[in-house]
Amino acid sequence: MKHQNLFRLCTGLLLVLCMGIAACRQHDPAEDGMPVTLTGIDHLADHLSVQEFSVDGTSGAQAGKGGTTVCCVMLPYKWHPDTRVTVRWNVTNWRDCKGDEYEAVVPVEKYDEPDHMWVHFLADGKVRVVSSAYGAAKANAPGSRHPVKDPIPKKHPWDDYPPFVHCKKSFE
């Protein structure tokens, strides 16, 4: 009986010691993540628009000029060359009453610290993902490492293509 109690005591101490070591282990900042806000920016032609999109399953609001922000997408504390996200989006063609769904695994451009995620839907059909404090309006400001080369059109396809209202059944 005495030996069983001693065995249990030693086993318990060993278990507590192992749990303590596991709790004290250093975390790899590249594996840990930080939640950042998400905004989509639409660089598409006047008759096209991104109505819905998501990044790694987090739904974004309608992409536009960069004004609608949602929370949150996880980014590693430390950027690494294989930092990628899965982007899903649809493009509504207001002129032709059509819509198409897309998906792409997109690299996140290099950042020093995780910050707001900007998803640029470019005119050539590509997607650019940037984590930066510089938003759409300030992306070309001095100091920004992520300038925006594609213009952000000022458009209102729902006003410019009113016949689209009678086409809604093609999307349902």
N, C-alpha and C. Protein backbone atom coordinates (compact mmCIF):
# COMPACT_ATOMS: atom_id res chain seq x y z
N MET A 1 0.82 -1.19 0.00
CA MET A 1 0.00 0.00 0.00
C MET A 1 0.87 1.26 0.00
N LYS A 2 1.96 1.19 0.82
CA LYS A 2 2.86 2.33 0.91
C LYS A 2 3.52 2.62 -0.43
N HIS A 3 3.89 1.57 -1.15
CA HIS A 3 4.54 1.72 -2.46
C HIS A 3 3.57 2.27 -3.50
N GLN A 4 2.29 1.88 -3.41
CA GLN A 4 1.29 2.40 -4.35
C GLN A 4 1.08 3.89 -4.15
N ASN A 5 1.05 4.34 -2.92
CA ASN A 5 0.88 5.77 -2.63
C ASN A 5 2.09 6.56 -3.12
N LEU A 6 3.28 6.00 -2.88
CA LEU A 6 4.50 6.66 -3.35
C LEU A 6 4.52 6.73 -4.87
N PHE A 7 4.10 5.63 -5.54
CA PHE A 7 4.03 5.61 -7.01
C PHE A 7 3.04 6.68 -7.51
N ARG A 8 1.88 6.75 -6.89
CA ARG A 8 0.88 7.75 -7.29
C ARG A 8 1.40 9.16 -7.09
N LEU A 9 2.08 9.40 -5.97
CA LEU A 9 2.63 10.72 -5.69
C LEU A 9 3.67 11.09 -6.75
N CYS A 10 4.56 10.17 -7.06
CA CYS A 10 5.59 10.44 -8.07
C CYS A 10 4.98 10.66 -9.45
N THR A 11 3.98 9.84 -9.80
CA THR A 11 3.30 9.98 -11.08
C THR A 11 2.60 11.34 -11.16
N GLY A 12 1.94 11.73 -10.08
CA GLY A 12 1.26 13.03 -10.04
C GLY A 12 2.24 14.19 -10.19
N LEU A 13 3.38 14.11 -9.47
CA LEU A 13 4.39 15.15 -9.57
C LEU A 13 4.97 15.23 -10.98
N LEU A 14 5.21 14.08 -11.56
CA LEU A 14 5.73 14.05 -12.93
C LEU A 14 4.73 14.68 -13.91
N LEU A 15 3.45 14.36 -13.73
CA LEU A 15 2.40 14.94 -14.58
C LEU A 15 2.34 16.45 -14.42
N VAL A 16 2.39 16.94 -13.18
CA VAL A 16 2.36 18.39 -12.94
C VAL A 16 3.59 19.05 -13.56
N LEU A 17 4.76 18.43 -13.42
CA LEU A 17 5.98 18.97 -14.00
C LEU A 17 5.88 19.05 -15.53
N CYS A 18 5.37 18.00 -16.16
CA CYS A 18 5.21 17.99 -17.63
C CYS A 18 4.23 19.06 -18.08
N MET A 19 3.13 19.22 -17.36
CA MET A 19 2.15 20.26 -17.73
C MET A 19 2.76 21.64 -17.59
N GLY A 20 3.57 21.83 -16.56
CA GLY A 20 4.23 23.13 -16.37
C GLY A 20 5.20 23.44 -17.50
N ILE A 21 5.96 22.43 -17.90
CA ILE A 21 6.89 22.62 -19.01
C ILE A 21 6.14 22.94 -20.30
N ALA A 22 5.05 22.23 -20.54
CA ALA A 22 4.26 22.47 -21.76
C ALA A 22 3.67 23.88 -21.74
N ALA A 23 3.23 24.35 -20.59
CA ALA A 23 2.64 25.69 -20.49
C ALA A 23 3.68 26.77 -20.70
N CYS A 24 4.93 26.48 -20.36
CA CYS A 24 5.99 27.49 -20.46
C CYS A 24 6.69 27.49 -21.82
N ARG A 25 6.36 26.56 -22.67
CA ARG A 25 7.08 26.49 -23.96
C ARG A 25 6.88 27.78 -24.74
N GLN A 26 7.87 28.15 -25.49
CA GLN A 26 7.81 29.38 -26.30
C GLN A 26 6.89 29.16 -27.49
N HIS A 27 6.06 30.17 -27.78
CA HIS A 27 5.20 30.10 -28.95
C HIS A 27 5.95 30.66 -30.14
N ASP A 28 5.76 30.06 -31.29
CA ASP A 28 6.36 30.54 -32.52
C ASP A 28 5.46 31.63 -33.09
N PRO A 29 5.94 32.90 -33.14
CA PRO A 29 5.08 33.99 -33.62
C PRO A 29 4.58 33.77 -35.04
N ALA A 30 5.31 33.01 -35.85
CA ALA A 30 4.85 32.76 -37.22
C ALA A 30 3.60 31.89 -37.23
N GLU A 31 3.43 31.06 -36.18
CA GLU A 31 2.26 30.19 -36.11
C GLU A 31 1.09 30.87 -35.44
N ASP A 32 1.37 31.74 -34.48
CA ASP A 32 0.30 32.44 -33.78
C ASP A 32 -0.29 33.48 -34.71
N GLY A 33 -1.52 33.85 -34.48
CA GLY A 33 -2.15 34.82 -35.36
C GLY A 33 -2.76 35.98 -34.61
N MET A 34 -3.13 36.99 -35.38
CA MET A 34 -3.77 38.18 -34.85
C MET A 34 -4.98 38.49 -35.70
N PRO A 35 -6.13 38.79 -35.09
CA PRO A 35 -7.30 39.16 -35.89
C PRO A 35 -7.14 40.58 -36.46
N VAL A 36 -7.43 40.72 -37.73
CA VAL A 36 -7.37 42.04 -38.38
C VAL A 36 -8.68 42.29 -39.11
N THR A 37 -9.03 43.55 -39.29
CA THR A 37 -10.25 43.91 -40.00
C THR A 37 -10.06 43.69 -41.49
N LEU A 38 -11.18 43.64 -42.21
CA LEU A 38 -11.19 43.24 -43.62
C LEU A 38 -12.04 44.21 -44.44
N THR A 39 -11.49 44.67 -45.56
CA THR A 39 -12.21 45.54 -46.49
C THR A 39 -11.88 45.13 -47.92
N GLY A 40 -12.90 45.09 -48.78
CA GLY A 40 -12.71 44.81 -50.19
C GLY A 40 -12.73 46.09 -51.00
N ILE A 41 -11.93 46.13 -52.06
CA ILE A 41 -11.87 47.29 -52.94
C ILE A 41 -12.06 46.81 -54.37
N ASP A 42 -13.02 47.40 -55.05
CA ASP A 42 -13.44 47.01 -56.40
C ASP A 42 -12.78 47.93 -57.43
N HIS A 43 -11.93 47.33 -58.27
CA HIS A 43 -11.26 48.07 -59.36
C HIS A 43 -11.85 47.68 -60.72
N LEU A 44 -12.99 47.05 -60.73
CA LEU A 44 -13.57 46.51 -61.96
C LEU A 44 -14.23 47.60 -62.81
N ALA A 45 -14.56 47.25 -64.04
CA ALA A 45 -15.21 48.17 -64.97
C ALA A 45 -16.55 48.64 -64.41
N ASP A 46 -17.06 49.71 -64.98
CA ASP A 46 -18.30 50.34 -64.49
C ASP A 46 -19.49 49.40 -64.42
N HIS A 47 -19.59 48.44 -65.32
CA HIS A 47 -20.76 47.57 -65.34
C HIS A 47 -20.58 46.30 -64.51
N LEU A 48 -19.43 46.16 -63.86
CA LEU A 48 -19.14 44.99 -63.03
C LEU A 48 -18.98 45.41 -61.58
N SER A 49 -19.38 44.53 -60.66
CA SER A 49 -19.12 44.82 -59.24
C SER A 49 -19.05 43.53 -58.44
N VAL A 50 -18.25 43.60 -57.37
CA VAL A 50 -18.12 42.49 -56.44
C VAL A 50 -19.18 42.69 -55.37
N GLN A 51 -20.20 41.82 -55.39
CA GLN A 51 -21.31 41.95 -54.44
C GLN A 51 -21.01 41.24 -53.13
N GLU A 52 -20.36 40.12 -53.17
CA GLU A 52 -20.03 39.35 -51.98
C GLU A 52 -18.63 38.77 -52.15
N PHE A 53 -17.92 38.68 -51.02
CA PHE A 53 -16.62 38.02 -51.03
C PHE A 53 -16.33 37.49 -49.64
N SER A 54 -15.36 36.59 -49.56
CA SER A 54 -14.91 36.09 -48.27
C SER A 54 -13.43 35.80 -48.33
N VAL A 55 -12.80 35.84 -47.16
CA VAL A 55 -11.39 35.50 -47.02
C VAL A 55 -11.29 34.45 -45.92
N ASP A 56 -10.81 33.28 -46.28
CA ASP A 56 -10.70 32.16 -45.35
C ASP A 56 -11.99 31.94 -44.58
N GLY A 57 -13.12 32.11 -45.26
CA GLY A 57 -14.42 31.85 -44.66
C GLY A 57 -15.06 33.04 -43.97
N THR A 58 -14.34 34.13 -43.79
CA THR A 58 -14.91 35.34 -43.18
C THR A 58 -15.55 36.16 -44.28
N SER A 59 -16.87 36.39 -44.16
CA SER A 59 -17.59 37.14 -45.19
C SER A 59 -17.25 38.62 -45.12
N GLY A 60 -16.98 39.16 -46.29
CA GLY A 60 -16.75 40.60 -46.40
C GLY A 60 -18.02 41.25 -46.92
N ALA A 61 -18.16 42.51 -46.64
CA ALA A 61 -19.31 43.24 -47.16
C ALA A 61 -19.02 43.60 -48.62
N GLN A 62 -19.97 44.22 -49.26
CA GLN A 62 -19.82 44.58 -50.67
C GLN A 62 -18.52 45.36 -50.89
N ALA A 63 -17.71 44.90 -51.82
CA ALA A 63 -16.48 45.62 -52.15
C ALA A 63 -16.85 46.88 -52.92
N GLY A 64 -16.19 47.92 -52.65
CA GLY A 64 -16.46 49.19 -53.31
C GLY A 64 -15.20 50.03 -53.31
N LYS A 65 -15.31 51.23 -52.75
CA LYS A 65 -14.16 52.14 -52.69
C LYS A 65 -13.35 51.94 -51.42
N GLY A 66 -13.67 50.93 -50.64
CA GLY A 66 -12.91 50.66 -49.42
C GLY A 66 -13.56 51.26 -48.19
N GLY A 67 -14.86 51.41 -48.19
CA GLY A 67 -15.51 52.04 -47.06
C GLY A 67 -16.16 51.09 -46.08
N THR A 68 -16.48 49.85 -46.47
CA THR A 68 -17.16 48.92 -45.59
C THR A 68 -16.14 47.94 -45.01
N THR A 69 -16.10 47.87 -43.68
CA THR A 69 -15.13 47.05 -42.98
C THR A 69 -15.85 46.04 -42.10
N VAL A 70 -15.33 44.82 -42.05
CA VAL A 70 -15.88 43.79 -41.17
C VAL A 70 -14.74 43.23 -40.32
N CYS A 71 -15.10 42.47 -39.31
CA CYS A 71 -14.14 41.83 -38.44
C CYS A 71 -14.33 40.33 -38.52
N CYS A 72 -13.43 39.60 -38.49
CA CYS A 72 -11.99 39.72 -38.53
C CYS A 72 -11.42 38.51 -39.26
N VAL A 73 -10.23 38.67 -39.79
CA VAL A 73 -9.47 37.62 -40.47
C VAL A 73 -8.18 37.45 -39.68
N MET A 74 -7.70 36.23 -39.57
CA MET A 74 -6.46 35.97 -38.84
C MET A 74 -5.26 36.07 -39.78
N LEU A 75 -4.25 36.77 -39.29
CA LEU A 75 -2.96 36.84 -39.98
C LEU A 75 -1.86 36.47 -39.00
N PRO A 76 -0.81 35.80 -39.47
CA PRO A 76 0.31 35.50 -38.58
C PRO A 76 0.96 36.78 -38.08
N TYR A 77 1.45 36.77 -36.85
CA TYR A 77 2.16 37.94 -36.32
C TYR A 77 3.38 38.26 -37.17
N LYS A 78 4.00 37.21 -37.67
CA LYS A 78 5.20 37.39 -38.49
C LYS A 78 4.89 36.89 -39.90
N TRP A 79 5.08 37.76 -40.90
CA TRP A 79 4.86 37.38 -42.29
C TRP A 79 5.92 36.37 -42.69
N HIS A 80 5.53 35.41 -43.53
CA HIS A 80 6.47 34.47 -44.13
C HIS A 80 6.09 34.30 -45.59
N PRO A 81 7.02 33.89 -46.43
CA PRO A 81 6.76 33.84 -47.88
C PRO A 81 5.57 33.01 -48.31
N ASP A 82 5.16 32.04 -47.51
CA ASP A 82 4.01 31.21 -47.91
C ASP A 82 2.72 31.65 -47.23
N THR A 83 2.65 32.90 -46.75
CA THR A 83 1.41 33.41 -46.17
C THR A 83 0.41 33.62 -47.29
N ARG A 84 -0.66 32.84 -47.24
CA ARG A 84 -1.70 32.87 -48.28
C ARG A 84 -3.07 32.81 -47.64
N VAL A 85 -4.06 33.31 -48.37
CA VAL A 85 -5.45 33.23 -47.94
C VAL A 85 -6.29 32.73 -49.11
N THR A 86 -7.43 32.14 -48.80
CA THR A 86 -8.37 31.71 -49.84
C THR A 86 -9.44 32.78 -49.97
N VAL A 87 -9.56 33.34 -51.17
CA VAL A 87 -10.55 34.39 -51.44
C VAL A 87 -11.61 33.82 -52.36
N ARG A 88 -12.87 34.00 -51.98
CA ARG A 88 -14.02 33.63 -52.82
C ARG A 88 -14.78 34.91 -53.07
N TRP A 89 -15.26 35.09 -54.32
CA TRP A 89 -16.02 36.29 -54.64
C TRP A 89 -16.93 36.04 -55.82
N ASN A 90 -17.93 36.90 -55.93
CA ASN A 90 -18.78 36.86 -57.11
C ASN A 90 -18.71 38.21 -57.80
N VAL A 91 -18.86 38.18 -59.09
CA VAL A 91 -18.87 39.41 -59.87
C VAL A 91 -20.22 39.50 -60.57
N THR A 92 -20.91 40.60 -60.32
CA THR A 92 -22.19 40.84 -60.99
C THR A 92 -21.94 41.70 -62.21
N ASN A 93 -22.45 41.24 -63.36
CA ASN A 93 -22.38 42.02 -64.59
C ASN A 93 -23.75 42.69 -64.74
N TRP A 94 -23.82 43.94 -64.37
CA TRP A 94 -25.08 44.68 -64.34
C TRP A 94 -25.63 44.92 -65.75
N ARG A 95 -24.75 45.02 -66.73
CA ARG A 95 -25.16 45.29 -68.10
C ARG A 95 -25.79 44.07 -68.75
N ASP A 96 -25.18 42.90 -68.53
CA ASP A 96 -25.62 41.68 -69.21
C ASP A 96 -26.46 40.76 -68.33
N CYS A 97 -26.80 41.19 -67.13
CA CYS A 97 -27.63 40.38 -66.22
C CYS A 97 -27.00 39.01 -65.96
N LYS A 98 -25.72 39.00 -65.66
CA LYS A 98 -25.02 37.75 -65.38
C LYS A 98 -24.22 37.89 -64.09
N GLY A 99 -23.87 36.74 -63.54
CA GLY A 99 -23.02 36.72 -62.37
C GLY A 99 -22.12 35.51 -62.41
N ASP A 100 -20.91 35.65 -61.92
CA ASP A 100 -19.96 34.54 -61.91
C ASP A 100 -19.30 34.45 -60.54
N GLU A 101 -19.01 33.20 -60.14
CA GLU A 101 -18.35 32.93 -58.87
C GLU A 101 -16.88 32.59 -59.14
N TYR A 102 -16.00 33.03 -58.23
CA TYR A 102 -14.57 32.78 -58.38
C TYR A 102 -13.97 32.37 -57.04
N GLU A 103 -12.84 31.70 -57.11
CA GLU A 103 -12.07 31.35 -55.92
C GLU A 103 -10.60 31.31 -56.29
N ALA A 104 -9.75 31.83 -55.39
CA ALA A 104 -8.32 31.80 -55.64
C ALA A 104 -7.58 31.77 -54.30
N VAL A 105 -6.46 31.06 -54.29
CA VAL A 105 -5.54 31.12 -53.16
C VAL A 105 -4.54 32.20 -53.51
N VAL A 106 -4.49 33.23 -52.66
CA VAL A 106 -3.76 34.45 -52.98
C VAL A 106 -2.66 34.70 -51.95
N PRO A 107 -1.45 35.04 -52.40
CA PRO A 107 -0.41 35.40 -51.42
C PRO A 107 -0.73 36.74 -50.77
N VAL A 108 -0.39 36.85 -49.49
CA VAL A 108 -0.53 38.12 -48.78
C VAL A 108 0.82 38.83 -48.94
N GLU A 109 0.77 40.07 -49.41
CA GLU A 109 2.02 40.81 -49.62
C GLU A 109 2.74 41.02 -48.29
N LYS A 110 4.06 41.14 -48.35
CA LYS A 110 4.89 41.25 -47.17
C LYS A 110 4.46 42.42 -46.29
N TYR A 111 4.42 42.17 -44.99
CA TYR A 111 4.11 43.21 -44.01
C TYR A 111 5.05 43.07 -42.82
N ASP A 112 5.23 44.19 -42.09
CA ASP A 112 6.06 44.17 -40.88
C ASP A 112 5.24 43.71 -39.68
N GLU A 113 4.03 44.23 -39.57
CA GLU A 113 3.12 43.85 -38.51
C GLU A 113 1.75 43.63 -39.15
N PRO A 114 0.98 42.67 -38.64
CA PRO A 114 -0.36 42.49 -39.20
C PRO A 114 -1.22 43.71 -38.94
N ASP A 115 -1.93 44.14 -39.95
CA ASP A 115 -2.80 45.31 -39.84
C ASP A 115 -4.02 45.04 -40.70
N HIS A 116 -4.80 46.03 -40.94
CA HIS A 116 -6.02 45.92 -41.73
C HIS A 116 -5.76 45.18 -43.04
N MET A 117 -6.63 44.24 -43.40
CA MET A 117 -6.47 43.50 -44.66
C MET A 117 -7.32 44.16 -45.74
N TRP A 118 -6.66 44.51 -46.84
CA TRP A 118 -7.32 45.12 -48.01
C TRP A 118 -7.28 44.09 -49.13
N VAL A 119 -8.45 43.75 -49.67
CA VAL A 119 -8.54 42.80 -50.77
C VAL A 119 -8.92 43.59 -52.02
N HIS A 120 -7.98 43.70 -52.95
CA HIS A 120 -8.19 44.46 -54.19
C HIS A 120 -8.63 43.50 -55.29
N PHE A 121 -9.82 43.74 -55.84
CA PHE A 121 -10.31 42.97 -56.99
C PHE A 121 -9.95 43.78 -58.23
N LEU A 122 -8.89 43.36 -58.92
CA LEU A 122 -8.30 44.15 -60.00
C LEU A 122 -9.03 43.97 -61.33
N ALA A 123 -8.86 44.95 -62.18
CA ALA A 123 -9.54 44.98 -63.48
C ALA A 123 -9.17 43.80 -64.36
N ASP A 124 -7.96 43.23 -64.18
CA ASP A 124 -7.55 42.09 -65.02
C ASP A 124 -8.04 40.74 -64.47
N GLY A 125 -8.87 40.77 -63.42
CA GLY A 125 -9.42 39.55 -62.85
C GLY A 125 -8.61 38.96 -61.72
N LYS A 126 -7.45 39.53 -61.44
CA LYS A 126 -6.61 39.04 -60.35
C LYS A 126 -7.05 39.66 -59.03
N VAL A 127 -6.56 39.08 -57.94
CA VAL A 127 -6.85 39.58 -56.60
C VAL A 127 -5.53 39.87 -55.92
N ARG A 128 -5.47 40.99 -55.23
CA ARG A 128 -4.29 41.41 -54.50
C ARG A 128 -4.68 41.55 -53.03
N VAL A 129 -3.92 40.94 -52.12
CA VAL A 129 -4.21 41.01 -50.69
C VAL A 129 -3.05 41.71 -49.99
N VAL A 130 -3.40 42.80 -49.28
CA VAL A 130 -2.41 43.63 -48.61
C VAL A 130 -2.82 43.81 -47.15
N SER A 131 -1.88 43.71 -46.24
CA SER A 131 -2.12 44.04 -44.83
C SER A 131 -1.37 45.33 -44.56
N SER A 132 -2.13 46.40 -44.33
CA SER A 132 -1.50 47.71 -44.22
C SER A 132 -2.40 48.69 -43.49
N ALA A 133 -1.79 49.66 -42.82
CA ALA A 133 -2.54 50.75 -42.19
C ALA A 133 -3.01 51.75 -43.25
N TYR A 134 -2.39 51.70 -44.43
CA TYR A 134 -2.73 52.62 -45.50
C TYR A 134 -3.90 52.06 -46.31
N GLY A 135 -5.03 52.70 -46.22
CA GLY A 135 -6.22 52.25 -46.93
C GLY A 135 -6.27 52.73 -48.35
N ALA A 136 -7.41 52.55 -48.97
CA ALA A 136 -7.60 52.90 -50.38
C ALA A 136 -7.28 54.36 -50.64
N ALA A 137 -7.74 55.24 -49.78
CA ALA A 137 -7.53 56.67 -50.00
C ALA A 137 -6.08 57.09 -49.81
N LYS A 138 -5.32 56.36 -48.96
CA LYS A 138 -3.95 56.75 -48.64
C LYS A 138 -2.92 55.76 -49.14
N ALA A 139 -3.32 54.82 -49.97
CA ALA A 139 -2.40 53.76 -50.41
C ALA A 139 -1.21 54.31 -51.18
N ASN A 140 -1.37 55.45 -51.84
CA ASN A 140 -0.27 56.02 -52.61
C ASN A 140 0.46 57.13 -51.84
N ALA A 141 0.16 57.27 -50.55
CA ALA A 141 0.81 58.30 -49.74
C ALA A 141 2.27 57.93 -49.50
N PRO A 142 3.13 58.94 -49.28
CA PRO A 142 4.53 58.63 -48.97
C PRO A 142 4.60 57.71 -47.75
N GLY A 143 5.44 56.69 -47.85
CA GLY A 143 5.60 55.75 -46.76
C GLY A 143 4.83 54.45 -46.95
N SER A 144 3.86 54.45 -47.83
CA SER A 144 3.11 53.22 -48.07
C SER A 144 3.95 52.27 -48.91
N ARG A 145 4.07 51.03 -48.44
CA ARG A 145 4.82 50.02 -49.20
C ARG A 145 3.92 49.30 -50.19
N HIS A 146 2.63 49.65 -50.20
CA HIS A 146 1.66 48.94 -51.04
C HIS A 146 0.85 49.91 -51.89
N PRO A 147 1.50 50.66 -52.79
CA PRO A 147 0.72 51.60 -53.61
C PRO A 147 -0.28 50.88 -54.51
N VAL A 148 -1.36 51.58 -54.81
CA VAL A 148 -2.41 51.04 -55.67
C VAL A 148 -2.21 51.62 -57.06
N LYS A 149 -1.99 50.74 -58.04
CA LYS A 149 -1.77 51.21 -59.42
C LYS A 149 -3.07 51.27 -60.21
N ASP A 150 -3.99 50.33 -59.96
CA ASP A 150 -5.28 50.35 -60.66
C ASP A 150 -6.16 51.42 -60.03
N PRO A 151 -6.82 52.23 -60.85
CA PRO A 151 -7.73 53.23 -60.28
C PRO A 151 -8.93 52.56 -59.62
N ILE A 152 -9.51 53.28 -58.67
CA ILE A 152 -10.74 52.81 -58.04
C ILE A 152 -11.87 53.61 -58.68
N PRO A 153 -12.64 52.97 -59.57
CA PRO A 153 -13.67 53.71 -60.29
C PRO A 153 -14.76 54.23 -59.35
N LYS A 154 -15.25 55.39 -59.70
CA LYS A 154 -16.43 55.93 -59.00
C LYS A 154 -17.61 55.53 -59.85
N LYS A 155 -18.34 54.53 -59.40
CA LYS A 155 -19.41 53.98 -60.21
C LYS A 155 -20.63 53.68 -59.36
N HIS A 156 -21.75 53.59 -60.04
CA HIS A 156 -23.03 53.24 -59.43
C HIS A 156 -23.80 52.38 -60.43
N PRO A 157 -23.37 51.11 -60.63
CA PRO A 157 -23.98 50.30 -61.68
C PRO A 157 -25.48 50.08 -61.49
N TRP A 158 -25.93 50.05 -60.23
CA TRP A 158 -27.36 49.85 -59.99
C TRP A 158 -28.18 51.04 -60.46
N ASP A 159 -27.55 52.23 -60.56
CA ASP A 159 -28.22 53.41 -61.11
C ASP A 159 -28.02 53.51 -62.63
N ASP A 160 -26.81 53.14 -63.07
CA ASP A 160 -26.46 53.27 -64.49
C ASP A 160 -27.09 52.19 -65.37
N TYR A 161 -27.47 51.07 -64.77
CA TYR A 161 -28.05 49.96 -65.53
C TYR A 161 -29.40 49.56 -64.92
N PRO A 162 -30.38 50.48 -64.93
CA PRO A 162 -31.67 50.19 -64.30
C PRO A 162 -32.40 48.98 -64.88
N PRO A 163 -32.19 48.59 -66.14
CA PRO A 163 -32.87 47.38 -66.63
C PRO A 163 -32.50 46.14 -65.83
N PHE A 164 -31.42 46.21 -65.06
CA PHE A 164 -31.00 45.07 -64.27
C PHE A 164 -32.11 44.61 -63.33
N VAL A 165 -32.96 45.48 -62.92
CA VAL A 165 -34.03 45.13 -62.00
C VAL A 165 -34.88 43.99 -62.57
N HIS A 166 -35.18 44.03 -63.86
CA HIS A 166 -35.98 42.96 -64.46
C HIS A 166 -35.17 41.68 -64.68
N CYS A 167 -33.86 41.74 -64.51
CA CYS A 167 -33.00 40.56 -64.71
C CYS A 167 -32.78 39.77 -63.43
N LYS A 168 -33.20 40.24 -62.29
CA LYS A 168 -32.87 39.60 -61.02
C LYS A 168 -33.24 38.13 -61.00
N LYS A 169 -34.24 37.72 -61.72
CA LYS A 169 -34.64 36.31 -61.71
C LYS A 169 -33.53 35.41 -62.25
N SER A 170 -32.66 35.94 -63.10
CA SER A 170 -31.58 35.12 -63.63
C SER A 170 -30.54 34.81 -62.57
N PHE A 171 -30.54 35.56 -61.46
CA PHE A 171 -29.60 35.31 -60.38
C PHE A 171 -30.21 34.47 -59.25
N GLU A 172 -31.50 34.27 -59.25
CA GLU A 172 -32.16 33.55 -58.16
C GLU A 172 -32.29 32.08 -58.44
